[in-house]
Amino acid sequence: MWIEPQNLNDPQVIGMVLTKAGFEPKHLLAAIEHQPVKDELRANTEEAVSRGVFGAPTFFVGDRMFFGQDRLDFVEEALNAA
C-alpha cells in the first residue's frame, strides 16, 4: 500500500496482495464477511482513535506511539529496550 497505492477496500485486490505475499486468501476473505470479525475491527478502530492514532501504520510500544513505515527502526529499538 505504501509503495504501490492500491484499493484495499476491494476484495479482489486484497486477494491478489495476499497471494503475492504467499498467503491463501480464501479463508481471510471469507472471515471478513462474518459479523464478529466486523465487530472486532470496529472495536479495534475505536480503541486506536481513543489512543490518538491518526493514520496507518501506527505502532505502540507501551504508551509510546510510532507512526509510519519509516519508523520501524524506532519500534525495534523501543521493543529491545522494553
Protein backbone atom coordinates (compact mmCIF):
# COMPACT_ATOMS: atom_id res chain seq x y z
CA MET A 1 0.00 0.00 0.00
CA TRP A 2 2.80 2.43 0.81
CA ILE A 3 4.89 1.51 -2.22
CA GLU A 4 2.18 0.78 -4.79
CA PRO A 5 -1.10 2.54 -3.95
CA GLN A 6 -3.95 0.05 -4.20
CA ASN A 7 -7.62 -0.03 -3.24
CA LEU A 8 -7.54 -2.32 -0.23
CA ASN A 9 -11.31 -1.94 0.07
CA ASP A 10 -11.63 -4.19 -2.97
CA PRO A 11 -11.70 -7.90 -2.01
CA GLN A 12 -10.15 -8.85 -5.36
CA VAL A 13 -7.19 -6.53 -4.68
CA ILE A 14 -6.85 -7.92 -1.15
CA GLY A 15 -6.80 -11.44 -2.60
CA MET A 16 -4.06 -10.55 -5.08
CA VAL A 17 -1.95 -8.86 -2.40
CA LEU A 18 -2.28 -11.83 -0.04
CA THR A 19 -1.44 -14.30 -2.80
CA LYS A 20 1.62 -12.27 -3.81
CA ALA A 21 2.73 -12.30 -0.15
CA GLY A 22 2.44 -16.10 -0.03
CA PHE A 23 -0.88 -16.39 1.79
CA GLU A 24 -4.03 -18.27 0.83
CA PRO A 25 -6.67 -15.51 0.65
CA LYS A 26 -9.76 -17.75 0.59
CA HIS A 27 -10.13 -18.11 4.38
CA LEU A 28 -9.35 -14.49 5.19
CA LEU A 29 -11.75 -13.18 2.57
CA ALA A 30 -14.45 -15.46 3.97
CA ALA A 31 -13.71 -14.41 7.57
CA ILE A 32 -14.06 -10.68 6.90
CA GLU A 33 -17.70 -11.24 5.98
CA HIS A 34 -18.61 -12.54 9.46
CA GLN A 35 -20.20 -10.09 11.90
CA PRO A 36 -17.93 -10.97 14.88
CA VAL A 37 -14.89 -10.09 12.74
CA LYS A 38 -16.50 -6.81 11.69
CA ASP A 39 -17.36 -6.06 15.33
CA GLU A 40 -13.78 -6.69 16.42
CA LEU A 41 -12.46 -4.40 13.68
CA ARG A 42 -14.84 -1.69 14.81
CA ALA A 43 -13.73 -2.10 18.46
CA ASN A 44 -10.05 -2.04 17.47
CA THR A 45 -10.61 1.08 15.37
CA GLU A 46 -12.38 2.83 18.23
CA GLU A 47 -9.55 1.94 20.60
CA ALA A 48 -6.96 3.21 18.12
CA VAL A 49 -8.78 6.53 17.74
CA SER A 50 -9.05 6.87 21.52
CA ARG A 51 -5.26 6.37 21.75
CA GLY A 52 -4.61 9.12 19.22
CA VAL A 53 -4.00 7.10 16.07
CA PHE A 54 -4.41 9.30 13.01
CA GLY A 55 -3.15 7.03 10.23
CA ALA A 56 -1.57 3.75 9.31
CA PRO A 57 0.71 2.17 10.01
CA THR A 58 0.82 3.11 13.67
CA PHE A 59 2.62 1.03 16.28
CA PHE A 60 2.55 1.22 20.06
CA VAL A 61 5.26 0.03 22.41
CA GLY A 62 3.72 0.56 25.82
CA ASP A 63 2.29 4.07 25.67
CA ARG A 64 4.74 5.28 23.01
CA MET A 65 3.22 5.75 19.57
CA PHE A 66 5.18 5.44 16.34
CA PHE A 67 3.64 6.47 13.04
CA GLY A 68 4.84 5.46 9.60
CA GLN A 69 6.67 2.58 7.99
CA ASP A 70 9.86 4.61 8.15
CA ARG A 71 9.70 4.38 11.98
CA LEU A 72 10.13 0.61 12.20
CA ASP A 73 13.73 1.05 13.37
CA PHE A 74 12.45 3.14 16.29
CA VAL A 75 9.83 0.50 17.09
CA GLU A 76 12.53 -2.19 17.13
CA GLU A 77 14.71 -0.08 19.44
CA ALA A 78 11.78 0.52 21.80
CA LEU A 79 10.94 -3.19 21.87
CA ASN A 80 14.54 -4.12 22.61
CA ALA A 81 14.65 -1.60 25.44
CA ALA A 82 11.39 -2.83 26.98
